Protein backbone atom coordinates (compact mmCIF):
# COMPACT_ATOMS: atom_id res chain seq x y z
CA MET A 1 18.50 -37.16 -44.66
CA LYS A 2 15.76 -39.63 -43.70
CA HIS A 3 18.33 -42.43 -43.69
CA ILE A 4 20.53 -40.50 -41.24
CA ILE A 5 17.63 -40.04 -38.82
CA ILE A 6 16.65 -43.71 -39.08
CA ILE A 7 20.23 -44.75 -38.33
CA ILE A 8 20.42 -42.42 -35.32
CA LEU A 9 17.16 -43.73 -33.88
CA ALA A 10 18.20 -47.33 -34.54
CA ILE A 11 21.45 -46.80 -32.66
CA LEU A 12 19.50 -45.35 -29.73
CA MET A 13 17.07 -48.28 -29.60
CA PHE A 14 19.88 -50.83 -29.91
CA SER A 15 21.90 -49.08 -27.22
CA CYS A 16 18.96 -49.31 -24.81
CA LYS A 17 19.54 -53.07 -24.60
CA GLU A 18 22.97 -52.65 -23.02
CA LYS A 19 23.54 -50.52 -19.94
CA THR A 20 27.13 -51.51 -19.12
CA ASN A 21 29.90 -48.88 -18.91
CA THR A 22 27.41 -46.03 -19.19
CA ARG A 23 29.05 -42.59 -19.28
CA THR A 24 27.28 -39.47 -18.05
CA LEU A 25 27.73 -35.73 -18.54
CA GLU A 26 30.11 -33.99 -16.18
CA ASN A 27 28.88 -30.88 -14.39
CA GLY A 28 30.02 -27.53 -15.73
CA ARG A 29 29.59 -24.99 -18.49
CA TYR A 30 30.00 -25.96 -22.13
CA ARG A 31 30.29 -24.19 -25.43
CA ALA A 32 28.48 -26.01 -28.23
CA GLU A 33 28.56 -25.55 -31.99
CA LEU A 34 26.02 -26.48 -34.65
CA LYS A 35 27.40 -26.76 -38.18
CA VAL A 36 25.61 -24.26 -40.45
CA THR A 37 27.93 -24.55 -43.47
CA ASP A 38 31.26 -26.24 -44.13
CA SER A 39 33.04 -23.16 -42.78
CA LEU A 40 30.47 -21.65 -40.41
CA ASN A 41 29.22 -22.68 -36.97
CA LEU A 42 26.43 -21.45 -34.72
CA SER A 43 27.68 -21.19 -31.13
CA LEU A 44 25.69 -21.52 -27.91
CA ASN A 45 26.23 -22.17 -24.21
CA PHE A 46 24.76 -24.69 -21.83
CA GLU A 47 25.54 -25.77 -18.29
CA VAL A 48 25.24 -29.28 -16.93
CA ILE A 49 23.68 -28.98 -13.47
CA SER A 50 23.53 -32.71 -12.82
CA GLU A 51 23.51 -35.86 -14.92
CA ASN A 52 19.72 -35.40 -15.21
CA GLU A 53 19.51 -31.65 -15.86
CA LEU A 54 21.15 -29.02 -18.01
CA HIS A 55 20.37 -25.37 -18.82
CA VAL A 56 20.60 -23.77 -22.28
CA PHE A 57 21.32 -20.02 -22.31
CA ASN A 58 20.19 -17.36 -24.76
CA ALA A 59 20.86 -13.87 -23.32
CA GLU A 60 18.36 -13.54 -20.41
CA GLU A 61 16.60 -16.80 -21.31
CA VAL A 62 17.37 -20.00 -19.43
CA ILE A 63 15.85 -23.21 -20.87
CA GLU A 64 15.70 -26.00 -18.30
CA VAL A 65 16.22 -29.42 -19.89
CA LYS A 66 15.42 -32.48 -17.78
CA ALA A 67 14.69 -35.18 -20.39
CA ILE A 68 18.19 -36.69 -20.54
CA GLU A 69 18.91 -40.36 -21.21
CA TYR A 70 22.18 -42.29 -21.37
CA LYS A 71 22.95 -45.31 -23.50
CA ASN A 72 26.45 -46.74 -23.14
CA ASP A 73 28.82 -43.92 -24.18
CA SER A 74 26.11 -41.64 -25.63
CA VAL A 75 23.59 -39.11 -24.33
CA TYR A 76 20.12 -38.27 -25.68
CA VAL A 77 18.84 -34.77 -24.80
CA GLN A 78 15.19 -34.02 -25.56
CA MET A 79 14.47 -30.28 -25.63
CA PRO A 80 11.30 -29.24 -23.76
CA VAL A 81 8.07 -28.65 -25.72
CA PHE A 82 9.66 -28.95 -29.18
CA GLU A 83 10.49 -32.22 -30.92
CA GLY A 84 14.15 -31.40 -31.60
CA PHE A 85 16.71 -33.52 -29.75
CA ILE A 86 20.48 -33.86 -29.44
CA VAL A 87 22.19 -37.24 -29.55
CA ALA A 88 25.95 -37.29 -28.96
CA LYS A 89 28.84 -39.51 -27.97
CA ILE A 90 30.46 -38.56 -24.66
CA GLU A 91 34.22 -38.35 -25.01
CA ASP A 92 36.88 -37.20 -22.54
CA GLU A 93 36.10 -33.47 -22.45
CA SER A 94 33.70 -33.16 -25.36
CA LEU A 95 30.49 -34.27 -27.07
CA ASN A 96 30.11 -35.18 -30.73
CA GLY A 97 26.81 -35.94 -32.41
CA ARG A 98 23.73 -34.49 -34.09
CA PHE A 99 20.80 -32.15 -33.51
CA VAL A 100 17.75 -33.77 -35.10
CA LYS A 101 14.24 -32.58 -36.02
CA PRO A 102 12.56 -35.81 -37.17
CA SER A 103 9.30 -34.51 -38.67
CA LEU A 104 11.16 -32.10 -40.94
CA ASN A 105 13.98 -34.56 -41.74
CA ARG A 106 16.61 -32.05 -40.62
CA VAL A 107 19.97 -32.91 -39.07
CA MET A 108 22.83 -30.62 -37.97
CA GLU A 109 26.26 -31.70 -36.78
CA PHE A 110 26.71 -30.93 -33.08
CA LYS A 111 29.80 -30.75 -30.90
CA ALA A 112 30.52 -29.31 -27.46
CA GLU A 113 33.42 -28.90 -25.08
CA ARG A 114 34.11 -27.16 -21.82
CA GLY A 115 34.06 -23.39 -22.23
CA ASN A 116 32.41 -20.16 -21.10
CA ASP A 117 32.30 -17.90 -24.17
CA ARG A 118 29.52 -18.20 -26.74
CA PHE A 119 31.71 -16.58 -29.40
CA ASP A 120 35.41 -15.75 -29.26
CA THR A 121 36.34 -12.15 -28.45
CA VAL A 122 39.35 -11.27 -30.59
CA GLU A 123 39.42 -7.46 -30.83
CA GLU A 124 37.80 -4.34 -29.44
CA PRO A 125 34.51 -3.29 -31.08
CA ASP A 126 34.66 -0.43 -33.58
CA SER A 127 31.31 0.94 -32.41
CA ASN A 128 28.39 0.50 -30.05
CA ILE A 129 25.22 -0.73 -31.75
CA SER A 130 22.86 -0.20 -28.80
CA GLY A 131 19.54 1.18 -29.99
CA ASN A 132 17.06 0.61 -32.81
CA TRP A 133 17.83 -0.44 -36.36
CA GLU A 134 15.52 -0.25 -39.38
CA THR A 135 16.04 -3.59 -41.08
CA VAL A 136 15.11 -5.23 -44.39
CA PHE A 137 15.50 -8.97 -44.95
CA SER A 138 15.94 -10.23 -48.55
CA PRO A 139 16.15 -6.59 -49.72
CA ASN A 140 16.73 -7.51 -53.39
CA SER A 141 13.71 -9.81 -53.71
CA GLU A 142 10.28 -8.26 -54.13
CA ASP A 143 8.59 -11.57 -53.32
CA ASP A 144 10.59 -12.42 -50.20
CA LYS A 145 11.42 -8.96 -48.82
CA TYR A 146 10.13 -8.06 -45.36
CA ILE A 147 10.88 -5.38 -42.79
CA ALA A 148 12.02 -5.70 -39.19
CA LYS A 149 13.25 -3.64 -36.28
CA GLY A 150 16.54 -4.55 -34.64
CA ILE A 151 16.69 -3.81 -30.91
CA PHE A 152 20.15 -4.20 -29.35
CA LYS A 153 22.09 -3.60 -26.16
CA GLN A 154 25.88 -3.66 -26.12
CA ASN A 155 28.30 -3.89 -23.17
CA GLY A 156 31.89 -4.04 -24.34
CA ASN A 157 32.01 -6.76 -26.98
CA LYS A 158 28.85 -8.48 -25.76
CA VAL A 159 25.61 -7.81 -27.68
CA THR A 160 22.07 -8.94 -26.84
CA GLY A 161 18.71 -8.13 -28.39
CA THR A 162 16.38 -9.31 -31.13
CA PHE A 163 14.75 -8.49 -34.44
CA ARG A 164 11.04 -7.67 -34.33
CA THR A 165 9.06 -8.34 -37.51
CA THR A 166 5.41 -7.87 -38.41
CA THR A 167 4.82 -11.54 -37.52
CA GLY A 168 6.80 -11.84 -34.28
CA ASP A 169 10.33 -11.59 -32.96
CA TYR A 170 13.45 -13.72 -33.36
CA ARG A 171 13.54 -14.24 -29.59
CA TYR A 172 16.65 -13.93 -27.43
CA LEU A 173 19.76 -13.24 -29.49
CA GLU A 174 23.21 -13.16 -27.93
CA GLY A 175 26.66 -12.63 -29.38
CA VAL A 176 29.63 -10.34 -29.88
CA LEU A 177 30.91 -7.45 -31.96
CA ASN A 178 34.57 -7.97 -32.88
CA GLY A 179 35.88 -4.89 -34.65
CA ASN A 180 33.13 -4.39 -37.24
CA GLN A 181 32.00 -8.05 -37.33
CA LEU A 182 28.73 -8.88 -35.56
CA GLN A 183 27.75 -12.44 -34.58
CA LEU A 184 24.41 -13.24 -32.92
CA SER A 185 22.72 -16.59 -32.29
CA THR A 186 19.90 -18.36 -30.50
CA PHE A 187 18.93 -22.01 -30.00
CA ASP A 188 15.72 -23.25 -28.36
CA GLY A 189 15.12 -26.74 -29.73
CA ALA A 190 12.86 -25.49 -32.52
CA HIS A 191 15.06 -22.92 -34.22
CA ALA A 192 18.80 -22.51 -34.56
CA PHE A 193 19.38 -18.94 -35.78
CA LEU A 194 22.66 -17.24 -36.68
CA PHE A 195 23.10 -13.63 -37.78
CA ASN A 196 26.45 -12.44 -39.16
CA ALA A 197 26.91 -8.82 -40.23
CA GLU A 198 29.48 -6.17 -40.99
CA VAL A 199 28.82 -2.93 -39.13
CA LYS A 200 30.04 0.25 -40.83
CA ASP A 201 29.19 3.76 -39.69
CA SER A 202 25.44 3.45 -38.95
CA THR A 203 24.69 0.57 -41.28
CA MET A 204 24.77 -3.24 -41.22
CA THR A 205 25.07 -5.69 -44.08
CA GLY A 206 24.73 -9.34 -43.20
CA MET A 207 23.32 -12.82 -43.61
CA PHE A 208 20.68 -14.65 -41.57
CA TYR A 209 20.97 -18.44 -41.31
CA SER A 210 18.14 -20.66 -40.09
CA GLY A 211 19.82 -23.97 -39.32
CA ASN A 212 21.66 -25.44 -42.31
CA HIS A 213 18.62 -25.32 -44.61
CA TRP A 214 17.90 -21.60 -45.15
CA LYS A 215 19.73 -18.30 -45.46
CA GLU A 216 18.89 -14.79 -46.58
CA PRO A 217 20.69 -11.42 -46.66
CA PHE A 218 19.68 -8.41 -44.63
CA THR A 219 20.56 -4.74 -44.39
CA ALA A 220 19.96 -2.33 -41.52
CA LYS A 221 20.46 1.31 -40.65
CA ARG A 222 20.32 3.02 -37.29
CA ASN A 223 16.92 4.68 -36.83
CA ASP A 224 15.66 5.29 -33.30
CA THR A 225 12.27 6.55 -34.55
CA PHE A 226 11.48 3.59 -36.83
CA LYS A 227 8.18 1.83 -36.14
CA LEU A 228 6.68 -1.33 -37.58
CA PRO A 229 3.09 -1.34 -38.91
CA ASP A 230 0.32 -1.58 -36.32
CA ALA A 231 -0.09 -5.28 -35.43
CA ASN A 232 -3.82 -4.67 -34.91
CA GLN A 233 -4.38 -3.60 -38.53
CA LEU A 234 -2.68 -6.38 -40.51
CA THR A 235 -5.31 -9.12 -40.23
CA TYR A 236 -9.06 -8.48 -40.46
CA LEU A 237 -12.42 -10.00 -41.41
CA LYS A 238 -13.24 -10.03 -45.10
CA GLU A 239 -16.19 -7.99 -46.27
CA GLY A 240 -19.39 -9.94 -45.82
CA PHE A 241 -18.22 -11.81 -42.71
CA GLY A 242 -19.46 -10.70 -39.32
CA THR A 243 -17.72 -13.19 -37.08
CA VAL A 244 -15.49 -16.27 -36.91
CA ALA A 245 -16.69 -19.87 -37.19
CA PHE A 246 -14.82 -23.15 -36.83
CA SER A 247 -15.24 -26.73 -35.68
CA PHE A 248 -12.09 -28.69 -34.80
CA PRO A 249 -11.36 -31.72 -32.60
CA ASP A 250 -9.78 -31.71 -29.15
CA GLU A 251 -7.47 -34.46 -27.88
CA LYS A 252 -10.48 -36.62 -26.93
CA GLY A 253 -11.97 -36.43 -30.42
CA ASN A 254 -14.75 -34.04 -29.41
CA MET A 255 -15.60 -31.41 -32.00
CA VAL A 256 -15.43 -27.93 -30.51
CA SER A 257 -16.94 -24.78 -31.98
CA LEU A 258 -17.79 -21.24 -30.88
CA ASN A 259 -21.45 -22.31 -30.66
CA ASP A 260 -20.67 -24.50 -27.64
CA ASP A 261 -22.20 -23.47 -24.32
CA ARG A 262 -18.82 -22.80 -22.69
CA PHE A 263 -18.27 -19.82 -25.03
CA LYS A 264 -21.74 -18.24 -24.86
CA ASP A 265 -21.96 -14.72 -23.42
CA LYS A 266 -18.22 -14.70 -22.75
CA VAL A 267 -15.18 -12.86 -24.01
CA VAL A 268 -13.31 -15.35 -26.20
CA LEU A 269 -9.73 -15.17 -27.42
CA ILE A 270 -8.92 -17.41 -30.40
CA GLN A 271 -5.20 -18.18 -30.55
CA ILE A 272 -3.95 -19.28 -33.99
CA MET A 273 -0.70 -21.12 -33.28
CA GLY A 274 1.51 -24.19 -33.66
CA THR A 275 3.30 -26.29 -31.06
CA TRP A 276 6.48 -25.99 -33.18
CA CYS A 277 6.52 -22.18 -33.00
CA PRO A 278 8.74 -20.43 -30.39
CA ASN A 279 6.75 -17.17 -30.57
CA CYS A 280 3.61 -19.22 -29.95
CA LEU A 281 5.30 -20.79 -26.93
CA ASP A 282 6.08 -17.34 -25.49
CA GLU A 283 2.49 -16.28 -26.09
CA SER A 284 1.07 -19.51 -24.66
CA LYS A 285 3.06 -19.05 -21.44
CA TYR A 286 1.62 -15.56 -21.02
CA TYR A 287 -1.94 -16.54 -22.02
CA SER A 288 -1.86 -19.59 -19.75
CA GLU A 289 -1.00 -17.49 -16.72
CA PHE A 290 -3.54 -14.80 -17.66
CA TYR A 291 -6.26 -17.42 -18.11
CA LYS A 292 -5.58 -19.01 -14.71
CA ASN A 293 -5.96 -15.60 -13.07
CA ASN A 294 -9.10 -14.55 -14.99
CA LYS A 295 -11.06 -17.67 -16.03
CA ASP A 296 -13.71 -16.90 -13.41
CA GLN A 297 -14.51 -13.58 -15.15
CA ASP A 298 -16.48 -14.74 -18.21
CA LEU A 299 -13.27 -15.30 -20.17
CA GLU A 300 -12.38 -18.21 -22.46
CA ILE A 301 -9.32 -18.89 -24.60
CA VAL A 302 -9.23 -21.53 -27.32
CA ALA A 303 -6.14 -22.35 -29.36
CA LEU A 304 -6.21 -23.63 -32.94
CA ALA A 305 -3.06 -25.65 -33.64
CA PHE A 306 -1.67 -25.87 -37.19
CA GLU A 307 0.85 -28.72 -37.13
CA TYR A 308 3.38 -29.89 -39.72
CA VAL A 309 3.70 -33.46 -38.39
CA LYS A 310 2.20 -36.07 -40.70
CA THR A 311 -0.43 -37.74 -38.50
CA PRO A 312 -3.09 -36.53 -36.04
CA GLU A 313 -1.63 -38.87 -33.40
CA LYS A 314 1.75 -37.12 -33.57
CA ALA A 315 0.05 -33.74 -33.61
CA PHE A 316 -1.96 -34.48 -30.47
CA ASN A 317 1.17 -35.84 -28.78
CA ASN A 318 2.84 -32.48 -29.45
CA ILE A 319 -0.22 -30.64 -28.15
CA LYS A 320 -0.21 -32.78 -24.99
CA ARG A 321 3.49 -32.08 -24.43
CA LEU A 322 2.95 -28.34 -24.86
CA LYS A 323 0.00 -28.28 -22.45
CA GLN A 324 1.89 -30.26 -19.82
CA ASN A 325 5.09 -28.20 -20.08
CA VAL A 326 3.33 -24.84 -19.98
CA GLY A 327 0.38 -25.77 -17.77
CA ILE A 328 -2.27 -24.75 -20.32
CA GLU A 329 -5.80 -25.20 -19.00
CA TYR A 330 -7.74 -23.91 -22.02
CA PRO A 331 -8.54 -26.20 -25.00
CA VAL A 332 -5.98 -26.62 -27.79
CA LEU A 333 -7.73 -27.95 -30.91
CA LEU A 334 -6.13 -29.59 -33.93
CA ALA A 335 -6.99 -27.35 -36.87
CA GLN A 336 -4.54 -28.88 -39.36
CA TYR A 337 -1.83 -31.51 -39.61
CA GLY A 338 0.65 -32.44 -42.31
CA SER A 339 1.49 -28.81 -43.07
CA SER A 340 1.88 -25.47 -41.33
CA SER A 341 1.19 -23.64 -44.60
CA LYS A 342 -0.49 -20.31 -44.00
CA VAL A 343 -2.31 -20.67 -47.33
CA LYS A 344 -3.88 -23.91 -46.15
CA ALA A 345 -4.57 -22.33 -42.76
CA ASN A 346 -6.50 -19.59 -44.51
CA GLU A 347 -8.67 -22.26 -46.15
CA LYS A 348 -9.68 -23.37 -42.65
CA LEU A 349 -10.47 -19.76 -41.65
CA PRO A 350 -11.80 -18.22 -44.88
CA MET A 351 -13.34 -15.25 -43.09
CA LEU A 352 -9.86 -13.74 -42.56
CA ASN A 353 -8.11 -11.68 -45.22
CA HIS A 354 -5.07 -13.90 -44.56
CA VAL A 355 -3.29 -15.85 -41.88
CA LEU A 356 -0.11 -13.78 -41.89
CA SER A 357 1.50 -15.07 -38.74
CA TYR A 358 1.71 -17.80 -36.15
CA PRO A 359 0.63 -16.65 -33.63
CA THR A 360 -2.42 -14.47 -34.32
CA THR A 361 -5.12 -13.68 -31.76
CA ILE A 362 -8.77 -12.90 -32.49
CA PHE A 363 -10.63 -10.99 -29.75
CA ILE A 364 -14.39 -11.68 -29.57
CA ASP A 365 -16.74 -9.82 -27.24
CA LYS A 366 -19.65 -11.27 -25.24
CA LYS A 367 -22.04 -10.66 -28.15
CA GLY A 368 -19.91 -12.78 -30.48
CA ASP A 369 -18.51 -9.84 -32.47
CA VAL A 370 -14.86 -9.65 -33.50
CA ARG A 371 -13.42 -6.57 -31.81
CA LYS A 372 -9.76 -6.86 -32.76
CA ILE A 373 -7.25 -9.18 -34.45
CA HIS A 374 -3.63 -8.98 -33.31
CA THR A 375 -0.95 -10.36 -35.65
CA GLY A 376 2.23 -11.82 -34.18
CA PHE A 377 3.49 -11.55 -30.62
CA ASN A 378 6.01 -9.28 -28.94
CA GLY A 379 7.68 -11.74 -26.58
CA PRO A 380 9.87 -11.12 -23.53
CA ALA A 381 12.98 -10.78 -25.72
CA THR A 382 11.59 -7.44 -27.00
CA GLY A 383 11.90 -5.84 -23.56
CA GLU A 384 9.85 -2.65 -23.33
CA LYS A 385 7.64 -3.70 -26.24
CA TYR A 386 6.63 -6.82 -24.33
CA VAL A 387 5.71 -4.67 -21.33
CA GLU A 388 3.69 -2.36 -23.60
CA PHE A 389 1.93 -5.34 -25.19
CA LYS A 390 0.87 -6.78 -21.84
CA LYS A 391 -0.46 -3.41 -20.70
CA GLU A 392 -2.46 -2.95 -23.91
CA PHE A 393 -3.70 -6.56 -23.89
CA GLU A 394 -4.85 -6.55 -20.28
CA GLY A 395 -6.49 -3.15 -20.66
CA PHE A 396 -8.41 -4.16 -23.79
CA VAL A 397 -9.56 -7.52 -22.39
CA GLY A 398 -10.52 -5.79 -19.16
CA GLU A 399 -12.76 -3.39 -21.06
CA LEU A 400 -14.43 -6.26 -22.94
CA LEU A 401 -15.10 -8.09 -19.68
CA LYS A 402 -16.87 -5.06 -18.21
CA LYS A 403 -19.47 -4.92 -20.99
């Protein structure tokens, strides 16, 4: 896999030397496919707005992509925030190439052609799956099993929604129900997710694919009263610890800790995250806006980034890209590089019972006491749950600021 990535990058660098007969993308809507297995593809839609801009669609989400370069008969598309990129040869009415994630040595075959439909509609749906579904992933493995809540809306064949888990949601899913066959997908430059399932009566049996490197089965049953565990009860301070302590570098090499003057006598939110994490991106967008509107009210936010890239230079480059794309004004510190392991993350924050999820937020009051720890993030793809989260979050922080 490393050799494939090296070859792709070498072709790009060589192509930069010649600019003759350069082809560009033609405006219009495209249907793209990423090869998951020899017989299975993940479908998605994008629209070329101009030769320098395209939009990727996932249900209500629109990802604006403006880092587009052309080299001879090929195009290089860098997804915003995340390191994943697409490199493809431009042919008459199609694109053929690869989706690459360099730091993880992952490559997926990519192709695209003009088209409007994410997935083909071939027959009327047997049912309407709108509503809530109690879900179990890897149900036959005690070590890997985890629960989730499927939240779906269906209009004809078209289905949108997401799966909420105890550690976050699977973001904007979009697809179709043909007869009793459900197909859902999302692509954001970090993750390429595909869910296939058979729907029968009020049950689902299916398979979840993450790119071409991971898959696991899942089962679900309709249950409109199903609730996940309280996200405020999953992570907590170990007995004997009264607060949180850390000291990590910022992009200038300065060591930052909670003992610094900027945090004294203020409400502090500690965001445990990674620049590679889509749920963390959703949370960072919300926190960034909240911080801009409230930073004059004795409030500070500090993010601790746990990065899988191999060097601190690459990690800080990813942090810089995230801050610039989102407009983050609060410090993002490098807590770890070379691995995003939650076990290793817990070694950096030994006062916690565990680091269960990226993201996790620790709420500290003006006296320096931990008042709450929230695991995961209910992003905008969760609809009403996202609205509920924002209301709870703003109310709780507002109360801390008053004291």
